[in-house]
PDB file of N, CA and C in Angstrom:
ATOM      1  N   UNK A   1      28.204 101.391 167.263  1.00  0.00           N
ATOM      2  CA  UNK A   1      28.522 100.297 168.035  1.00  0.00           C
ATOM      3  C   UNK A   1      28.125  99.057 167.236  1.00  0.00           C
ATOM      4  N   UNK A   2      27.074  98.952 166.615  1.00  0.00           N
ATOM      5  CA  UNK A   2      26.603  97.699 165.851  1.00  0.00           C
ATOM      6  C   UNK A   2      27.694  97.381 164.829  1.00  0.00           C
ATOM      7  N   UNK A   3      28.285  98.405 164.137  1.00  0.00           N
ATOM      8  CA  UNK A   3      29.250  98.131 163.164  1.00  0.00           C
ATOM      9  C   UNK A   3      30.622  97.522 163.697  1.00  0.00           C
ATOM     10  N   UNK A   4      30.909  98.079 164.976  1.00  0.00           N
ATOM     11  CA  UNK A   4      32.122  97.394 165.624  1.00  0.00           C
ATOM     12  C   UNK A   4      31.689  96.006 166.090  1.00  0.00           C
ATOM     13  N   UNK A   5      30.640  95.800 166.557  1.00  0.00           N
ATOM     14  CA  UNK A   5      30.167  94.362 166.965  1.00  0.00           C
ATOM     15  C   UNK A   5      30.341  93.401 165.836  1.00  0.00           C
ATOM     16  N   UNK A   6      29.875  93.755 164.484  1.00  0.00           N
ATOM     17  CA  UNK A   6      29.948  93.014 163.374  1.00  0.00           C
ATOM     18  C   UNK A   6      31.377  92.750 163.066  1.00  0.00           C
ATOM     19  N   UNK A   7      32.175  93.849 163.113  1.00  0.00           N
ATOM     20  CA  UNK A   7      33.535  93.641 162.796  1.00  0.00           C
ATOM     21  C   UNK A   7      34.347  92.644 163.811  1.00  0.00           C
ATOM     22  N   UNK A   8      33.980  92.779 165.048  1.00  0.00           N
ATOM     23  CA  UNK A   8      34.697  91.996 165.977  1.00  0.00           C
ATOM     24  C   UNK A   8      34.257  90.563 166.022  1.00  0.00           C
ATOM     25  N   UNK A   9      32.875  90.371 165.917  1.00  0.00           N
ATOM     26  CA  UNK A   9      32.334  89.098 165.808  1.00  0.00           C
ATOM     27  C   UNK A   9      32.880  88.287 164.506  1.00  0.00           C
ATOM     28  N   UNK A  10      32.738  88.967 163.286  1.00  0.00           N
ATOM     29  CA  UNK A  10      33.331  88.464 162.089  1.00  0.00           C
ATOM     30  C   UNK A  10      34.736  88.073 162.137  1.00  0.00           C
ATOM     31  N   UNK A  11      35.561  88.865 162.768  1.00  0.00           N
ATOM     32  CA  UNK A  11      36.958  88.591 162.913  1.00  0.00           C
ATOM     33  C   UNK A  11      37.231  87.447 163.852  1.00  0.00           C
ATOM     34  N   UNK A  12      36.427  87.349 164.862  1.00  0.00           N
ATOM     35  CA  UNK A  12      36.664  86.245 165.800  1.00  0.00           C
ATOM     36  C   UNK A  12      36.325  84.825 165.077  1.00  0.00           C
ATOM     37  N   UNK A  13      35.209  84.882 164.172  1.00  0.00           N
ATOM     38  CA  UNK A  13      34.726  83.662 163.541  1.00  0.00           C
ATOM     39  C   UNK A  13      35.790  83.355 162.446  1.00  0.00           C
ATOM     40  N   UNK A  14      36.653  84.240 161.977  1.00  0.00           N
ATOM     41  CA  UNK A  14      37.616  83.830 161.049  1.00  0.00           C
ATOM     42  C   UNK A  14      38.979  83.440 161.825  1.00  0.00           C
ATOM     43  N   UNK A  15      39.318  84.216 162.903  1.00  0.00           N
ATOM     44  CA  UNK A  15      40.596  84.107 163.429  1.00  0.00           C
ATOM     45  C   UNK A  15      40.736  82.761 164.388  1.00  0.00           C
ATOM     46  N   UNK A  16      39.592  82.523 165.027  1.00  0.00           N
ATOM     47  CA  UNK A  16      39.805  81.412 165.871  1.00  0.00           C
ATOM     48  C   UNK A  16      39.958  80.007 165.243  1.00  0.00           C
ATOM     49  N   UNK A  17      39.128  79.745 164.155  1.00  0.00           N
ATOM     50  CA  UNK A  17      39.379  78.501 163.367  1.00  0.00           C
ATOM     51  C   UNK A  17      40.769  78.533 162.740  1.00  0.00           C
ATOM     52  N   UNK A  18      41.280  79.755 162.272  1.00  0.00           N
ATOM     53  CA  UNK A  18      42.547  79.799 161.803  1.00  0.00           C
ATOM     54  C   UNK A  18      43.624  79.351 162.695  1.00  0.00           C
ATOM     55  N   UNK A  19      43.626  80.020 163.856  1.00  0.00           N
ATOM     56  CA  UNK A  19      44.587  79.603 164.907  1.00  0.00           C
ATOM     57  C   UNK A  19      44.451  78.263 165.230  1.00  0.00           C
ATOM     58  N   UNK A  20      43.202  77.648 165.381  1.00  0.00           N
ATOM     59  CA  UNK A  20      43.186  76.168 165.649  1.00  0.00           C
ATOM     60  C   UNK A  20      43.727  75.269 164.598  1.00  0.00           C
ATOM     61  N   UNK A  21      43.495  75.759 163.345  1.00  0.00           N
ATOM     62  CA  UNK A  21      44.238  75.063 162.159  1.00  0.00           C
ATOM     63  C   UNK A  21      45.844  75.052 162.249  1.00  0.00           C
ATOM     64  N   UNK A  22      46.207  76.252 162.617  1.00  0.00           N
ATOM     65  CA  UNK A  22      47.693  76.402 162.731  1.00  0.00           C
ATOM     66  C   UNK A  22      48.188  75.511 163.850  1.00  0.00           C
ATOM     67  N   UNK A  23      47.515  75.364 164.890  1.00  0.00           N
ATOM     68  CA  UNK A  23      47.921  74.599 166.003  1.00  0.00           C
ATOM     69  C   UNK A  23      47.608  73.159 165.810  1.00  0.00           C
ATOM     70  N   UNK A  24      47.073  72.731 164.648  1.00  0.00           N
ATOM     71  CA  UNK A  24      46.835  71.354 164.351  1.00  0.00           C
ATOM     72  C   UNK A  24      45.629  70.692 164.948  1.00  0.00           C
ATOM     73  N   UNK A  25      44.802  71.581 165.428  1.00  0.00           N
ATOM     74  CA  UNK A  25      43.622  71.104 166.160  1.00  0.00           C
ATOM     75  C   UNK A  25      42.368  70.863 165.407  1.00  0.00           C
ATOM     76  N   UNK A  26      42.378  71.442 164.209  1.00  0.00           N
ATOM     77  CA  UNK A  26      41.218  71.389 163.235  1.00  0.00           C
ATOM     78  C   UNK A  26      41.909  71.422 161.794  1.00  0.00           C
ATOM     79  N   UNK A  27      41.282  70.699 160.936  1.00  0.00           N
ATOM     80  CA  UNK A  27      41.643  70.812 159.563  1.00  0.00           C
ATOM     81  C   UNK A  27      41.087  72.019 158.772  1.00  0.00           C
ATOM     82  N   UNK A  28      41.910  72.637 157.945  1.00  0.00           N
ATOM     83  CA  UNK A  28      41.435  73.714 157.146  1.00  0.00           C
ATOM     84  C   UNK A  28      40.359  73.224 156.132  1.00  0.00           C
ATOM     85  N   UNK A  29      40.239  71.924 155.951  1.00  0.00           N
ATOM     86  CA  UNK A  29      39.256  71.446 155.030  1.00  0.00           C
ATOM     87  C   UNK A  29      37.986  71.049 155.670  1.00  0.00           C
ATOM     88  N   UNK A  30      37.981  71.110 157.077  1.00  0.00           N
ATOM     89  CA  UNK A  30      36.725  70.619 157.847  1.00  0.00           C
ATOM     90  C   UNK A  30      35.608  71.485 157.589  1.00  0.00           C
ATOM     91  N   UNK A  31      34.366  70.958 157.719  1.00  0.00           N
ATOM     92  CA  UNK A  31      33.145  71.676 157.511  1.00  0.00           C
ATOM     93  C   UNK A  31      33.049  72.851 158.530  1.00  0.00           C
ATOM     94  N   UNK A  32      33.354  72.644 159.738  1.00  0.00           N
ATOM     95  CA  UNK A  32      33.417  73.680 160.760  1.00  0.00           C
ATOM     96  C   UNK A  32      34.327  74.824 160.357  1.00  0.00           C
ATOM     97  N   UNK A  33      35.450  74.573 160.052  1.00  0.00           N
ATOM     98  CA  UNK A  33      36.438  75.579 159.737  1.00  0.00           C
ATOM     99  C   UNK A  33      35.801  76.375 158.615  1.00  0.00           C
ATOM    100  N   UNK A  34      35.544  75.761 157.460  1.00  0.00           N
ATOM    101  CA  UNK A  34      35.001  76.514 156.367  1.00  0.00           C
ATOM    102  C   UNK A  34      33.664  77.148 156.623  1.00  0.00           C
ATOM    103  N   UNK A  35      32.879  76.659 157.400  1.00  0.00           N
ATOM    104  CA  UNK A  35      31.550  77.339 157.707  1.00  0.00           C
ATOM    105  C   UNK A  35      31.913  78.589 158.607  1.00  0.00           C
ATOM    106  N   UNK A  36      32.749  78.467 159.674  1.00  0.00           N
ATOM    107  CA  UNK A  36      32.939  79.679 160.409  1.00  0.00           C
ATOM    108  C   UNK A  36      33.669  80.805 159.601  1.00  0.00           C
ATOM    109  N   UNK A  37      34.525  80.342 158.615  1.00  0.00           N
ATOM    110  CA  UNK A  37      35.253  81.379 157.780  1.00  0.00           C
ATOM    111  C   UNK A  37      34.162  81.966 156.885  1.00  0.00           C
ATOM    112  N   UNK A  38      33.317  81.228 156.323  1.00  0.00           N
ATOM    113  CA  UNK A  38      32.206  81.801 155.457  1.00  0.00           C
ATOM    114  C   UNK A  38      31.485  82.757 156.298  1.00  0.00           C
ATOM    115  N   UNK A  39      30.887  82.436 157.440  1.00  0.00           N
ATOM    116  CA  UNK A  39      30.053  83.346 158.195  1.00  0.00           C
ATOM    117  C   UNK A  39      30.802  84.530 158.552  1.00  0.00           C
ATOM    118  N   UNK A  40      32.039  84.378 159.080  1.00  0.00           N
ATOM    119  CA  UNK A  40      32.783  85.623 159.494  1.00  0.00           C
ATOM    120  C   UNK A  40      33.218  86.473 158.441  1.00  0.00           C
ATOM    121  N   UNK A  41      33.710  85.992 157.303  1.00  0.00           N
ATOM    122  CA  UNK A  41      34.135  86.774 156.247  1.00  0.00           C
ATOM    123  C   UNK A  41      32.960  87.326 155.483  1.00  0.00           C
ATOM    124  N   UNK A  42      31.766  86.584 155.593  1.00  0.00           N
ATOM    125  CA  UNK A  42      30.635  87.128 154.832  1.00  0.00           C
ATOM    126  C   UNK A  42      30.111  88.312 155.555  1.00  0.00           C
ATOM    127  N   UNK A  43      30.147  88.274 156.968  1.00  0.00           N
ATOM    128  CA  UNK A  43      29.712  89.401 157.749  1.00  0.00           C
ATOM    129  C   UNK A  43      30.709  90.601 157.504  1.00  0.00           C
ATOM    130  N   UNK A  44      31.981  90.383 157.544  1.00  0.00           N
ATOM    131  CA  UNK A  44      32.941  91.491 157.307  1.00  0.00           C
ATOM    132  C   UNK A  44      32.816  92.016 155.892  1.00  0.00           C
ATOM    133  N   UNK A  45      32.491  91.322 154.881  1.00  0.00           N
ATOM    134  CA  UNK A  45      32.247  91.653 153.571  1.00  0.00           C
ATOM    135  C   UNK A  45      31.155  92.564 153.471  1.00  0.00           C
ATOM    136  N   UNK A  46      30.074  92.185 154.099  1.00  0.00           N
ATOM    137  CA  UNK A  46      28.817  92.960 154.034  1.00  0.00           C
ATOM    138  C   UNK A  46      28.964  94.378 154.797  1.00  0.00           C
ATOM    139  N   UNK A  47      29.762  94.321 155.862  1.00  0.00           N
ATOM    140  CA  UNK A  47      30.121  95.575 156.535  1.00  0.00           C
ATOM    141  C   UNK A  47      30.982  96.369 155.730  1.00  0.00           C
ATOM    142  N   UNK A  48      31.904  95.754 155.042  1.00  0.00           N
ATOM    143  CA  UNK A  48      32.718  96.648 154.142  1.00  0.00           C
ATOM    144  C   UNK A  48      31.924  97.140 153.006  1.00  0.00           C
ATOM    145  N   UNK A  49      31.091  96.525 152.499  1.00  0.00           N
ATOM    146  CA  UNK A  49      30.197  97.084 151.391  1.00  0.00           C
ATOM    147  C   UNK A  49      29.325  98.248 151.845  1.00  0.00           C
ATOM    148  N   UNK A  50      28.723  98.114 153.115  1.00  0.00           N
ATOM    149  CA  UNK A  50      27.934  99.169 153.688  1.00  0.00           C
ATOM    150  C   UNK A  50      28.838 100.339 153.904  1.00  0.00           C
ATOM    151  N   UNK A  51      29.943 100.226 154.285  1.00  0.00           N
ATOM    152  CA  UNK A  51      30.828 101.364 154.694  1.00  0.00           C
ATOM    153  C   UNK A  51      31.707 101.827 153.514  1.00  0.00           C
ATOM    154  N   UNK A  52      31.488 101.214 152.387  1.00  0.00           N
ATOM    155  CA  UNK A  52      32.224 101.707 151.154  1.00  0.00           C
ATOM    156  C   UNK A  52      33.767 101.641 151.390  1.00  0.00           C
ATOM    157  N   UNK A  53      34.230 100.353 151.856  1.00  0.00           N
ATOM    158  CA  UNK A  53      35.645 100.022 151.974  1.00  0.00           C
ATOM    159  C   UNK A  53      36.039  98.972 150.994  1.00  0.00           C
ATOM    160  N   UNK A  54      36.415  99.459 149.757  1.00  0.00           N
ATOM    161  CA  UNK A  54      36.626  98.570 148.596  1.00  0.00           C
ATOM    162  C   UNK A  54      37.678  97.530 148.793  1.00  0.00           C
ATOM    163  N   UNK A  55      38.814  98.003 149.431  1.00  0.00           N
ATOM    164  CA  UNK A  55      39.890  96.891 149.538  1.00  0.00           C
ATOM    165  C   UNK A  55      39.512  95.818 150.559  1.00  0.00           C
ATOM    166  N   UNK A  56      38.910  96.245 151.642  1.00  0.00           N
ATOM    167  CA  UNK A  56      38.422  95.371 152.648  1.00  0.00           C
ATOM    168  C   UNK A  56      37.261  94.430 152.092  1.00  0.00           C
ATOM    169  N   UNK A  57      36.416  95.044 151.243  1.00  0.00           N
ATOM    170  CA  UNK A  57      35.421  94.310 150.666  1.00  0.00           C
ATOM    171  C   UNK A  57      36.035  93.147 149.650  1.00  0.00           C
ATOM    172  N   UNK A  58      36.978  93.570 148.894  1.00  0.00           N
ATOM    173  CA  UNK A  58      37.779  92.578 147.996  1.00  0.00           C
ATOM    174  C   UNK A  58      38.353  91.492 148.869  1.00  0.00           C
ATOM    175  N   UNK A  59      39.021  91.727 149.739  1.00  0.00           N
ATOM    176  CA  UNK A  59      39.605  90.847 150.695  1.00  0.00           C
ATOM    177  C   UNK A  59      38.617  89.820 151.297  1.00  0.00           C
ATOM    178  N   UNK A  60      37.632  90.421 152.124  1.00  0.00           N
ATOM    179  CA  UNK A  60      36.618  89.603 152.651  1.00  0.00           C
ATOM    180  C   UNK A  60      35.668  88.819 151.732  1.00  0.00           C
ATOM    181  N   UNK A  61      35.206  89.528 150.716  1.00  0.00           N
ATOM    182  CA  UNK A  61      34.489  88.930 149.706  1.00  0.00           C
ATOM    183  C   UNK A  61      35.067  87.700 149.037  1.00  0.00           C
ATOM    184  N   UNK A  62      36.236  87.877 148.815  1.00  0.00           N
ATOM    185  CA  UNK A  62      37.082  86.666 148.185  1.00  0.00           C
ATOM    186  C   UNK A  62      37.309  85.595 149.053  1.00  0.00           C
ATOM    187  N   UNK A  63      37.468  86.020 150.394  1.00  0.00           N
ATOM    188  CA  UNK A  63      37.658  84.926 151.530  1.00  0.00           C
ATOM    189  C   UNK A  63      36.261  84.132 151.647  1.00  0.00           C
ATOM    190  N   UNK A  64      35.199  84.948 151.545  1.00  0.00           N
ATOM    191  CA  UNK A  64      33.940  84.325 151.709  1.00  0.00           C
ATOM    192  C   UNK A  64      33.675  83.353 150.544  1.00  0.00           C
ATOM    193  N   UNK A  65      33.917  83.919 149.328  1.00  0.00           N
ATOM    194  CA  UNK A  65      33.708  82.980 148.028  1.00  0.00           C
ATOM    195  C   UNK A  65      34.451  81.709 148.177  1.00  0.00           C
ATOM    196  N   UNK A  66      35.817  81.832 148.369  1.00  0.00           N
ATOM    197  CA  UNK A  66      36.678  80.684 148.557  1.00  0.00           C
ATOM    198  C   UNK A  66      36.103  79.678 149.732  1.00  0.00           C
ATOM    199  N   UNK A  67      35.795  80.286 150.714  1.00  0.00           N
ATOM    200  CA  UNK A  67      35.316  79.422 151.793  1.00  0.00           C
ATOM    201  C   UNK A  67      33.970  78.600 151.436  1.00  0.00           C
ATOM    202  N   UNK A  68      33.155  79.374 150.744  1.00  0.00           N
ATOM    203  CA  UNK A  68      31.810  78.785 150.230  1.00  0.00           C
ATOM    204  C   UNK A  68      32.199  77.611 149.221  1.00  0.00           C
ATOM    205  N   UNK A  69      33.129  77.941 148.203  1.00  0.00           N
ATOM    206  CA  UNK A  69      33.444  76.909 147.293  1.00  0.00           C
ATOM    207  C   UNK A  69      34.074  75.685 147.983  1.00  0.00           C
ATOM    208  N   UNK A  70      34.956  75.918 149.031  1.00  0.00           N
ATOM    209  CA  UNK A  70      35.637  74.824 149.654  1.00  0.00           C
ATOM    210  C   UNK A  70      34.545  73.949 150.526  1.00  0.00           C
ATOM    211  N   UNK A  71      33.516  74.712 151.145  1.00  0.00           N
ATOM    212  CA  UNK A  71      32.396  74.055 151.873  1.00  0.00           C
ATOM    213  C   UNK A  71      31.698  73.220 150.872  1.00  0.00           C
ATOM    214  N   UNK A  72      31.192  73.729 149.851  1.00  0.00           N
ATOM    215  CA  UNK A  72      30.481  73.019 148.847  1.00  0.00           C
ATOM    216  C   UNK A  72      31.186  71.691 148.323  1.00  0.00           C
ATOM    217  N   UNK A  73      32.439  71.909 148.045  1.00  0.00           N
ATOM    218  CA  UNK A  73      33.313  70.777 147.664  1.00  0.00           C
ATOM    219  C   UNK A  73      33.253  69.558 148.759  1.00  0.00           C
ATOM    220  N   UNK A  74      33.471  70.010 150.001  1.00  0.00           N
ATOM    221  CA  UNK A  74      33.473  69.053 151.048  1.00  0.00           C
ATOM    222  C   UNK A  74      32.129  68.356 151.157  1.00  0.00           C
ATOM    223  N   UNK A  75      31.090  69.170 151.092  1.00  0.00           N
ATOM    224  CA  UNK A  75      29.717  68.713 151.278  1.00  0.00           C
ATOM    225  C   UNK A  75      29.360  67.725 150.264  1.00  0.00           C
ATOM    226  N   UNK A  76      29.846  68.015 148.980  1.00  0.00           N
ATOM    227  CA  UNK A  76      29.561  67.128 147.857  1.00  0.00           C
ATOM    228  C   UNK A  76      30.556  65.944 147.831  1.00  0.00           C
ATOM    229  N   UNK A  77      31.464  65.920 148.641  1.00  0.00           N
ATOM    230  CA  UNK A  77      32.468  64.703 148.653  1.00  0.00           C
ATOM    231  C   UNK A  77      33.592  64.946 147.623  1.00  0.00           C
ATOM    232  N   UNK A  78      33.623  66.044 147.032  1.00  0.00           N
ATOM    233  CA  UNK A  78      34.791  66.158 146.069  1.00  0.00           C
ATOM    234  C   UNK A  78      36.126  66.526 146.649  1.00  0.00           C
ATOM    235  N   UNK A  79      36.134  67.170 147.888  1.00  0.00           N
ATOM    236  CA  UNK A  79      37.304  67.617 148.424  1.00  0.00           C
ATOM    237  C   UNK A  79      37.218  66.994 149.901  1.00  0.00           C
ATOM    238  N   UNK A  80      37.980  65.736 150.089  1.00  0.00           N
ATOM    239  CA  UNK A  80      37.888  65.285 151.345  1.00  0.00           C
ATOM    240  C   UNK A  80      38.397  66.136 152.475  1.00  0.00           C
ATOM    241  N   UNK A  81      37.679  66.170 153.706  1.00  0.00           N
ATOM    242  CA  UNK A  81      38.125  66.809 154.837  1.00  0.00           C
ATOM    243  C   UNK A  81      39.196  66.041 155.594  1.00  0.00           C
ATOM    244  N   UNK A  82      40.376  66.610 155.688  1.00  0.00           N
ATOM    245  CA  UNK A  82      41.436  65.949 156.297  1.00  0.00           C
ATOM    246  C   UNK A  82      41.300  65.978 157.750  1.00  0.00           C
TER     247      UNK A  82
END
């Protein structure tokens, strides 16, 4: 049950900001978008690592790293949030 909770919560944290960005309600460069993506994909990557799902770990681990780099860029002022 805990594993499914992590998967659902992580997915929601990735999918809701994505849907909002597609609807033009939030920028994909905003701090909140990147932070929710980082938390959600990080949780999913950790779950994938614990359950030895290498493809899922590659996908979510990469998503988390890219989100982290984007967030750091925005926080340091190198990448403007649109």
